[in-house]
Amino acid sequence: MPIIPQVLDYRDELIAIRRDIHAHPELAFAEQRTSDLVAGKLAEYGCEVYRGLAGTGVIGTIRRGNAPAAIGLRADMDALPIQERNDFAYRSTHDGRMHACGHDGHTTMLLGAAKYLAATRNFEGTVHLIFQPAEEGGGGGRVMVEEGLFDKFPCDAVFAIHNKPGIAVGQIAAKPGPLLAASDRWDIRVKGRGTHAAHPHLGTDPFVIGAQIVLALQTIGSRNIDRSTPRSSASALCEAARPTM
């Protein structure tokens, strides 16, 4: 599918937006500058603008006609607590913060879609442009839903896209069912017993135990779980670790 010529006309503007966001990364639920930029651009493009869901979330709405159909297009806005070591002109201006997962690109892509759809309105129904805060472990999408996202902006379906470095320009990777990985977290508490360095056999060293746990869990993951089968990694680990009779 060729790139829409009208969208190519926005290229320089979108590059500037993406680089501006990249230079000013903001962490989960603190995306105030990014939120202001997004809201300003949506208003400039002629979208209805709503703010406040999950604190810094922004919704832009484009309508045409009276058809009840509605879809959502979603992008995330937050950066990561990572020190950027690039040296290009638009590198992060904030120590310890970086757009290392491409959300600057996601936000810009959705703004590009917003500009095109608002200008052409070659559809019937409603498009809700959902700019989500706190994707990086903050659960911003869940918070938006809990605060009434789909009550206020009902959608028949929601679409999103994630950048994927390494594939050819102009190509998109897709497959039926789950595609990208998710993470789970659980805590393990190791209790040791201190002793004198001259008598290590009288104590219980928690560091050795911890090292053995890490190695054992890695072995379970690599030797017992089919990586091509999407399922909860935590439940899969528990299942693989369960002793058999």
C-alpha atoms as a PDB file:
ATOM      1  CA  MET A   1       0.000   0.000   0.000  1.00  0.00           C
ATOM      2  CA  PRO A   2       1.616   3.293  -1.052  1.00  0.00           C
ATOM      3  CA  ILE A   3       1.906   6.208   1.353  1.00  0.00           C
ATOM      4  CA  ILE A   4      -0.914   8.691   0.850  1.00  0.00           C
ATOM      5  CA  PRO A   5       0.573  11.695  -1.009  1.00  0.00           C
ATOM      6  CA  GLN A   6      -1.219  14.173   1.244  1.00  0.00           C
ATOM      7  CA  VAL A   7       0.397  12.605   4.293  1.00  0.00           C
ATOM      8  CA  LEU A   8       3.812  13.001   2.677  1.00  0.00           C
ATOM      9  CA  ASP A   9       3.097  16.726   2.592  1.00  0.00           C
ATOM     10  CA  TYR A  10       3.124  16.626   6.418  1.00  0.00           C
ATOM     11  CA  ARG A  11       6.537  14.945   6.564  1.00  0.00           C
ATOM     12  CA  ASP A  12       8.615  17.915   7.696  1.00  0.00           C
ATOM     13  CA  GLU A  13       6.044  18.955  10.299  1.00  0.00           C
ATOM     14  CA  LEU A  14       5.819  15.434  11.716  1.00  0.00           C
ATOM     15  CA  ILE A  15       9.589  15.046  11.871  1.00  0.00           C
ATOM     16  CA  ALA A  16       9.790  18.300  13.822  1.00  0.00           C
ATOM     17  CA  ILE A  17       7.066  17.166  16.239  1.00  0.00           C
ATOM     18  CA  ARG A  18       8.710  13.801  16.838  1.00  0.00           C
ATOM     19  CA  ARG A  19      12.103  15.354  17.478  1.00  0.00           C
ATOM     20  CA  ASP A  20      10.614  17.925  19.822  1.00  0.00           C
ATOM     21  CA  ILE A  21       8.910  15.207  21.865  1.00  0.00           C
ATOM     22  CA  HIS A  22      12.098  13.139  21.842  1.00  0.00           C
ATOM     23  CA  ALA A  23      14.075  16.076  23.226  1.00  0.00           C
ATOM     24  CA  HIS A  24      11.592  16.569  26.074  1.00  0.00           C
ATOM     25  CA  PRO A  25      10.752  13.098  27.446  1.00  0.00           C
ATOM     26  CA  GLU A  26       8.348  12.812  30.366  1.00  0.00           C
ATOM     27  CA  LEU A  27       7.702   9.833  32.616  1.00  0.00           C
ATOM     28  CA  ALA A  28       4.431   8.086  33.466  1.00  0.00           C
ATOM     29  CA  PHE A  29       1.573  10.381  34.518  1.00  0.00           C
ATOM     30  CA  ALA A  30       3.883  13.414  34.208  1.00  0.00           C
ATOM     31  CA  GLU A  31       3.501  13.962  30.452  1.00  0.00           C
ATOM     32  CA  GLN A  32       2.249  17.520  30.890  1.00  0.00           C
ATOM     33  CA  ARG A  33       4.310  19.180  28.153  1.00  0.00           C
ATOM     34  CA  THR A  34       3.583  16.343  25.741  1.00  0.00           C
ATOM     35  CA  SER A  35      -0.100  16.491  26.624  1.00  0.00           C
ATOM     36  CA  ASP A  36      -0.157  20.253  25.971  1.00  0.00           C
ATOM     37  CA  LEU A  37       1.569  19.757  22.614  1.00  0.00           C
ATOM     38  CA  VAL A  38      -0.876  17.023  21.587  1.00  0.00           C
ATOM     39  CA  ALA A  39      -3.946  18.986  22.651  1.00  0.00           C
ATOM     40  CA  GLY A  40      -2.700  22.068  20.819  1.00  0.00           C
ATOM     41  CA  LYS A  41      -2.077  20.168  17.594  1.00  0.00           C
ATOM     42  CA  LEU A  42      -5.446  18.406  17.737  1.00  0.00           C
ATOM     43  CA  ALA A  43      -7.211  21.742  18.157  1.00  0.00           C
ATOM     44  CA  GLU A  44      -5.159  23.197  15.294  1.00  0.00           C
ATOM     45  CA  TYR A  45      -6.245  20.318  13.052  1.00  0.00           C
ATOM     46  CA  GLY A  46      -9.917  20.878  13.855  1.00  0.00           C
ATOM     47  CA  CYS A  47     -10.536  18.008  16.279  1.00  0.00           C
ATOM     48  CA  GLU A  48     -12.710  18.136  19.378  1.00  0.00           C
ATOM     49  CA  VAL A  49     -10.294  17.936  22.303  1.00  0.00           C
ATOM     50  CA  TYR A  50     -10.895  16.377  25.730  1.00  0.00           C
ATOM     51  CA  ARG A  51      -8.353  16.247  28.538  1.00  0.00           C
ATOM     52  CA  GLY A  52      -8.011  14.895  32.067  1.00  0.00           C
ATOM     53  CA  LEU A  53      -8.499  11.130  31.832  1.00  0.00           C
ATOM     54  CA  ALA A  54      -5.672   9.505  33.815  1.00  0.00           C
ATOM     55  CA  GLY A  55      -4.392  12.997  34.520  1.00  0.00           C
ATOM     56  CA  THR A  56      -2.462  13.711  31.345  1.00  0.00           C
ATOM     57  CA  GLY A  57      -4.498  11.684  28.852  1.00  0.00           C
ATOM     58  CA  VAL A  58      -5.838  13.434  25.745  1.00  0.00           C
ATOM     59  CA  ILE A  59      -8.708  12.457  23.454  1.00  0.00           C
ATOM     60  CA  GLY A  60      -9.278  13.988  20.039  1.00  0.00           C
ATOM     61  CA  THR A  61     -12.555  13.303  18.267  1.00  0.00           C
ATOM     62  CA  ILE A  62     -13.366  13.637  14.560  1.00  0.00           C
ATOM     63  CA  ARG A  63     -16.938  13.161  13.353  1.00  0.00           C
ATOM     64  CA  ARG A  64     -18.609  12.941   9.974  1.00  0.00           C
ATOM     65  CA  GLY A  65     -22.268  12.279   9.398  1.00  0.00           C
ATOM     66  CA  ASN A  66     -24.672  10.599  11.787  1.00  0.00           C
ATOM     67  CA  ALA A  67     -23.530   6.988  11.466  1.00  0.00           C
ATOM     68  CA  PRO A  68     -23.231   5.334  14.909  1.00  0.00           C
ATOM     69  CA  ALA A  69     -20.005   3.486  14.049  1.00  0.00           C
ATOM     70  CA  ALA A  70     -16.967   4.605  16.044  1.00  0.00           C
ATOM     71  CA  ILE A  71     -13.369   3.450  16.256  1.00  0.00           C
ATOM     72  CA  GLY A  72     -10.456   4.378  18.455  1.00  0.00           C
ATOM     73  CA  LEU A  73      -6.874   4.967  17.354  1.00  0.00           C
ATOM     74  CA  ARG A  74      -4.455   4.815  20.277  1.00  0.00           C
ATOM     75  CA  ALA A  75      -0.874   5.876  20.998  1.00  0.00           C
ATOM     76  CA  ASP A  76       1.218   6.122  24.168  1.00  0.00           C
ATOM     77  CA  MET A  77       3.141   9.234  25.245  1.00  0.00           C
ATOM     78  CA  ASP A  78       5.484   8.409  28.150  1.00  0.00           C
ATOM     79  CA  ALA A  79       9.247   7.916  28.141  1.00  0.00           C
ATOM     80  CA  LEU A  80      11.536   5.683  30.212  1.00  0.00           C
ATOM     81  CA  PRO A  81      13.909   6.424  33.125  1.00  0.00           C
ATOM     82  CA  ILE A  82      16.992   5.817  30.964  1.00  0.00           C
ATOM     83  CA  GLN A  83      20.016   8.020  30.340  1.00  0.00           C
ATOM     84  CA  GLU A  84      20.301   8.887  26.650  1.00  0.00           C
ATOM     85  CA  ARG A  85      23.796   8.603  25.177  1.00  0.00           C
ATOM     86  CA  ASN A  86      23.027   9.656  21.623  1.00  0.00           C
ATOM     87  CA  ASP A  87      24.683  12.851  20.428  1.00  0.00           C
ATOM     88  CA  PHE A  88      22.270  14.095  17.758  1.00  0.00           C
ATOM     89  CA  ALA A  89      20.752  17.566  18.033  1.00  0.00           C
ATOM     90  CA  TYR A  90      17.404  16.419  19.427  1.00  0.00           C
ATOM     91  CA  ARG A  91      18.738  14.111  22.149  1.00  0.00           C
ATOM     92  CA  SER A  92      16.977  14.207  25.525  1.00  0.00           C
ATOM     93  CA  THR A  93      17.382  17.484  27.392  1.00  0.00           C
ATOM     94  CA  HIS A  94      16.564  15.755  30.697  1.00  0.00           C
ATOM     95  CA  ASP A  95      19.114  13.600  32.490  1.00  0.00           C
ATOM     96  CA  GLY A  96      17.787  10.150  33.309  1.00  0.00           C
ATOM     97  CA  ARG A  97      14.868  10.301  30.861  1.00  0.00           C
ATOM     98  CA  MET A  98      14.683   9.072  27.286  1.00  0.00           C
ATOM     99  CA  HIS A  99      12.197   8.014  24.633  1.00  0.00           C
ATOM    100  CA  ALA A 100      13.877   4.630  24.296  1.00  0.00           C
ATOM    101  CA  CYS A 101      10.726   2.703  23.315  1.00  0.00           C
ATOM    102  CA  GLY A 102       9.546   4.960  20.518  1.00  0.00           C
ATOM    103  CA  HIS A 103       6.513   6.581  22.093  1.00  0.00           C
ATOM    104  CA  ASP A 104       7.644   9.895  20.602  1.00  0.00           C
ATOM    105  CA  GLY A 105       7.114   8.198  17.250  1.00  0.00           C
ATOM    106  CA  HIS A 106       3.774   6.677  18.257  1.00  0.00           C
ATOM    107  CA  THR A 107       2.425  10.053  19.396  1.00  0.00           C
ATOM    108  CA  THR A 108       3.609  11.702  16.188  1.00  0.00           C
ATOM    109  CA  MET A 109       2.114   8.969  14.019  1.00  0.00           C
ATOM    110  CA  LEU A 110      -1.284   9.445  15.619  1.00  0.00           C
ATOM    111  CA  LEU A 111      -1.050  13.210  15.217  1.00  0.00           C
ATOM    112  CA  GLY A 112      -0.310  12.627  11.538  1.00  0.00           C
ATOM    113  CA  ALA A 113      -3.387  10.423  11.254  1.00  0.00           C
ATOM    114  CA  ALA A 114      -5.419  13.065  13.098  1.00  0.00           C
ATOM    115  CA  LYS A 115      -4.362  15.796  10.675  1.00  0.00           C
ATOM    116  CA  TYR A 116      -5.190  13.701   7.625  1.00  0.00           C
ATOM    117  CA  LEU A 117      -8.531  12.404   8.894  1.00  0.00           C
ATOM    118  CA  ALA A 118      -9.636  15.849  10.095  1.00  0.00           C
ATOM    119  CA  ALA A 119      -8.720  17.405   6.751  1.00  0.00           C
ATOM    120  CA  THR A 120     -10.326  14.769   4.516  1.00  0.00           C
ATOM    121  CA  ARG A 121     -13.105  13.218   6.646  1.00  0.00           C
ATOM    122  CA  ASN A 122     -13.476  10.499   4.040  1.00  0.00           C
ATOM    123  CA  PHE A 123     -15.376   8.204   6.383  1.00  0.00           C
ATOM    124  CA  GLU A 124     -18.789   7.940   8.020  1.00  0.00           C
ATOM    125  CA  GLY A 125     -18.985   7.892  11.807  1.00  0.00           C
ATOM    126  CA  THR A 126     -16.588   8.880  14.566  1.00  0.00           C
ATOM    127  CA  VAL A 127     -12.872   8.465  15.167  1.00  0.00           C
ATOM    128  CA  HIS A 128     -11.547   8.872  18.703  1.00  0.00           C
ATOM    129  CA  LEU A 129      -7.802   9.550  18.895  1.00  0.00           C
ATOM    130  CA  ILE A 130      -6.631   8.207  22.258  1.00  0.00           C
ATOM    131  CA  PHE A 131      -3.329   9.530  23.614  1.00  0.00           C
ATOM    132  CA  GLN A 132      -2.529   7.380  26.645  1.00  0.00           C
ATOM    133  CA  PRO A 133      -0.139   8.249  29.466  1.00  0.00           C
ATOM    134  CA  ALA A 134       1.893   5.808  31.543  1.00  0.00           C
ATOM    135  CA  GLU A 135       2.240   2.792  29.280  1.00  0.00           C
ATOM    136  CA  GLU A 136       5.641   1.897  30.726  1.00  0.00           C
ATOM    137  CA  GLY A 137       4.470  -0.020  33.770  1.00  0.00           C
ATOM    138  CA  GLY A 138       2.074   2.627  35.040  1.00  0.00           C
ATOM    139  CA  GLY A 139      -1.098   1.069  33.694  1.00  0.00           C
ATOM    140  CA  GLY A 140      -2.301   4.325  32.152  1.00  0.00           C
ATOM    141  CA  GLY A 141      -4.653   2.543  29.777  1.00  0.00           C
ATOM    142  CA  ARG A 142      -6.364   0.786  32.670  1.00  0.00           C
ATOM    143  CA  VAL A 143      -6.722   4.076  34.518  1.00  0.00           C
ATOM    144  CA  MET A 144      -8.298   5.730  31.474  1.00  0.00           C
ATOM    145  CA  VAL A 145     -10.816   2.881  31.203  1.00  0.00           C
ATOM    146  CA  GLU A 146     -11.574   3.015  34.941  1.00  0.00           C
ATOM    147  CA  GLU A 147     -12.196   6.743  34.648  1.00  0.00           C
ATOM    148  CA  GLY A 148     -14.779   6.207  31.904  1.00  0.00           C
ATOM    149  CA  LEU A 149     -12.884   6.243  28.611  1.00  0.00           C
ATOM    150  CA  PHE A 150     -15.316   3.988  26.779  1.00  0.00           C
ATOM    151  CA  ASP A 151     -18.367   5.370  28.557  1.00  0.00           C
ATOM    152  CA  LYS A 152     -17.513   8.844  27.292  1.00  0.00           C
ATOM    153  CA  PHE A 153     -15.969   7.768  23.991  1.00  0.00           C
ATOM    154  CA  PRO A 154     -17.533   4.427  22.981  1.00  0.00           C
ATOM    155  CA  CYS A 155     -15.616   2.513  20.314  1.00  0.00           C
ATOM    156  CA  ASP A 156     -16.582  -0.509  18.258  1.00  0.00           C
ATOM    157  CA  ALA A 157     -12.888  -1.350  17.966  1.00  0.00           C
ATOM    158  CA  VAL A 158      -9.557   0.166  18.935  1.00  0.00           C
ATOM    159  CA  PHE A 159      -6.420   0.038  16.784  1.00  0.00           C
ATOM    160  CA  ALA A 160      -2.813   0.734  17.703  1.00  0.00           C
ATOM    161  CA  ILE A 161       0.595   0.191  16.158  1.00  0.00           C
ATOM    162  CA  HIS A 162       4.071  -0.175  17.655  1.00  0.00           C
ATOM    163  CA  ASN A 163       7.312   0.746  15.946  1.00  0.00           C
ATOM    164  CA  LYS A 164       9.557  -2.217  15.145  1.00  0.00           C
ATOM    165  CA  PRO A 165      13.183  -1.405  14.327  1.00  0.00           C
ATOM    166  CA  GLY A 166      14.796  -3.943  12.061  1.00  0.00           C
ATOM    167  CA  ILE A 167      12.078  -4.464   9.472  1.00  0.00           C
ATOM    168  CA  ALA A 168      12.228  -2.790   6.071  1.00  0.00           C
ATOM    169  CA  VAL A 169      10.855   0.695   5.611  1.00  0.00           C
ATOM    170  CA  GLY A 170       7.308   0.510   4.278  1.00  0.00           C
ATOM    171  CA  GLN A 171       6.556  -2.885   5.811  1.00  0.00           C
ATOM    172  CA  ILE A 172       4.294  -3.746   8.761  1.00  0.00           C
ATOM    173  CA  ALA A 173       4.519  -6.929  10.833  1.00  0.00           C
ATOM    174  CA  ALA A 174       1.229  -8.522  11.867  1.00  0.00           C
ATOM    175  CA  LYS A 175      -0.230 -11.939  12.763  1.00  0.00           C
ATOM    176  CA  PRO A 176      -3.498 -13.329  14.121  1.00  0.00           C
ATOM    177  CA  GLY A 177      -3.680 -13.286  17.916  1.00  0.00           C
ATOM    178  CA  PRO A 178      -1.159 -11.845  20.376  1.00  0.00           C
ATOM    179  CA  LEU A 179       2.006 -10.514  18.781  1.00  0.00           C
ATOM    180  CA  LEU A 180       4.184  -8.668  21.300  1.00  0.00           C
ATOM    181  CA  ALA A 181       5.480  -9.784  24.684  1.00  0.00           C
ATOM    182  CA  ALA A 182       4.166  -8.708  28.080  1.00  0.00           C
ATOM    183  CA  SER A 183       5.810  -8.905  31.472  1.00  0.00           C
ATOM    184  CA  ASP A 184       4.688 -10.269  34.815  1.00  0.00           C
ATOM    185  CA  ARG A 185       6.158  -9.617  38.243  1.00  0.00           C
ATOM    186  CA  TRP A 186       6.282 -11.529  41.470  1.00  0.00           C
ATOM    187  CA  ASP A 187       8.428 -11.252  44.570  1.00  0.00           C
ATOM    188  CA  ILE A 188      10.544 -13.967  46.181  1.00  0.00           C
ATOM    189  CA  ARG A 189      11.817 -13.391  49.711  1.00  0.00           C
ATOM    190  CA  VAL A 190      14.996 -15.227  50.683  1.00  0.00           C
ATOM    191  CA  LYS A 191      15.780 -15.483  54.387  1.00  0.00           C
ATOM    192  CA  GLY A 192      19.414 -16.040  55.311  1.00  0.00           C
ATOM    193  CA  ARG A 193      21.391 -16.313  58.517  1.00  0.00           C
ATOM    194  CA  GLY A 194      24.478 -14.251  59.221  1.00  0.00           C
ATOM    195  CA  THR A 195      27.752 -15.617  60.468  1.00  0.00           C
ATOM    196  CA  HIS A 196      31.400 -14.676  60.723  1.00  0.00           C
ATOM    197  CA  ALA A 197      33.370 -14.680  57.472  1.00  0.00           C
ATOM    198  CA  ALA A 198      35.707 -17.234  59.017  1.00  0.00           C
ATOM    199  CA  HIS A 199      32.806 -19.659  59.614  1.00  0.00           C
ATOM    200  CA  PRO A 200      30.598 -19.517  56.506  1.00  0.00           C
ATOM    201  CA  HIS A 201      29.368 -23.058  57.137  1.00  0.00           C
ATOM    202  CA  LEU A 202      27.518 -21.824  60.236  1.00  0.00           C
ATOM    203  CA  GLY A 203      25.364 -19.379  58.262  1.00  0.00           C
ATOM    204  CA  THR A 204      22.943 -19.369  55.350  1.00  0.00           C
ATOM    205  CA  ASP A 205      24.109 -17.113  52.523  1.00  0.00           C
ATOM    206  CA  PRO A 206      21.093 -15.506  50.781  1.00  0.00           C
ATOM    207  CA  PHE A 207      23.234 -14.373  47.826  1.00  0.00           C
ATOM    208  CA  VAL A 208      24.082 -17.938  46.878  1.00  0.00           C
ATOM    209  CA  ILE A 209      20.439 -18.931  47.192  1.00  0.00           C
ATOM    210  CA  GLY A 210      19.387 -15.976  45.051  1.00  0.00           C
ATOM    211  CA  ALA A 211      21.908 -16.861  42.362  1.00  0.00           C
ATOM    212  CA  GLN A 212      20.630 -20.446  42.266  1.00  0.00           C
ATOM    213  CA  ILE A 213      17.024 -19.231  41.973  1.00  0.00           C
ATOM    214  CA  VAL A 214      17.899 -17.001  39.006  1.00  0.00           C
ATOM    215  CA  LEU A 215      19.666 -19.836  37.192  1.00  0.00           C
ATOM    216  CA  ALA A 216      16.865 -22.298  37.929  1.00  0.00           C
ATOM    217  CA  LEU A 217      14.148 -19.929  36.684  1.00  0.00           C
ATOM    218  CA  GLN A 218      16.086 -19.245  33.486  1.00  0.00           C
ATOM    219  CA  THR A 219      16.399 -22.965  32.878  1.00  0.00           C
ATOM    220  CA  ILE A 220      12.662 -23.485  33.367  1.00  0.00           C
ATOM    221  CA  GLY A 221      11.891 -20.723  30.884  1.00  0.00           C
ATOM    222  CA  SER A 222      14.256 -21.908  28.191  1.00  0.00           C
ATOM    223  CA  ARG A 223      13.719 -25.653  28.516  1.00  0.00           C
ATOM    224  CA  ASN A 224      10.044 -26.118  29.371  1.00  0.00           C
ATOM    225  CA  ILE A 225       8.025 -23.352  27.705  1.00  0.00           C
ATOM    226  CA  ASP A 226       7.092 -23.213  24.028  1.00  0.00           C
ATOM    227  CA  ARG A 227       7.950 -19.606  23.141  1.00  0.00           C
ATOM    228  CA  SER A 228       5.599 -19.665  20.151  1.00  0.00           C
ATOM    229  CA  THR A 229       2.565 -20.233  22.382  1.00  0.00           C
ATOM    230  CA  PRO A 230       1.307 -16.966  23.910  1.00  0.00           C
ATOM    231  CA  ARG A 231       0.215 -17.290  27.519  1.00  0.00           C
ATOM    232  CA  SER A 232       0.985 -15.759  30.870  1.00  0.00           C
ATOM    233  CA  SER A 233       4.677 -16.254  31.557  1.00  0.00           C
ATOM    234  CA  ALA A 234       4.047 -16.396  35.300  1.00  0.00           C
ATOM    235  CA  SER A 235       1.467 -19.163  35.003  1.00  0.00           C
ATOM    236  CA  ALA A 236       3.666 -20.997  32.503  1.00  0.00           C
ATOM    237  CA  LEU A 237       6.622 -20.880  34.869  1.00  0.00           C
ATOM    238  CA  CYS A 238       4.492 -22.137  37.737  1.00  0.00           C
ATOM    239  CA  GLU A 239       3.144 -24.945  35.574  1.00  0.00           C
ATOM    240  CA  ALA A 240       6.643 -25.935  34.432  1.00  0.00           C
ATOM    241  CA  ALA A 241       7.991 -25.812  37.970  1.00  0.00           C
ATOM    242  CA  ARG A 242       5.166 -27.904  39.460  1.00  0.00           C
ATOM    243  CA  PRO A 243       6.465 -31.321  40.561  1.00  0.00           C
ATOM    244  CA  THR A 244       4.953 -34.333  38.862  1.00  0.00           C
ATOM    245  CA  MET A 245       3.863 -37.467  40.752  1.00  0.00           C
END
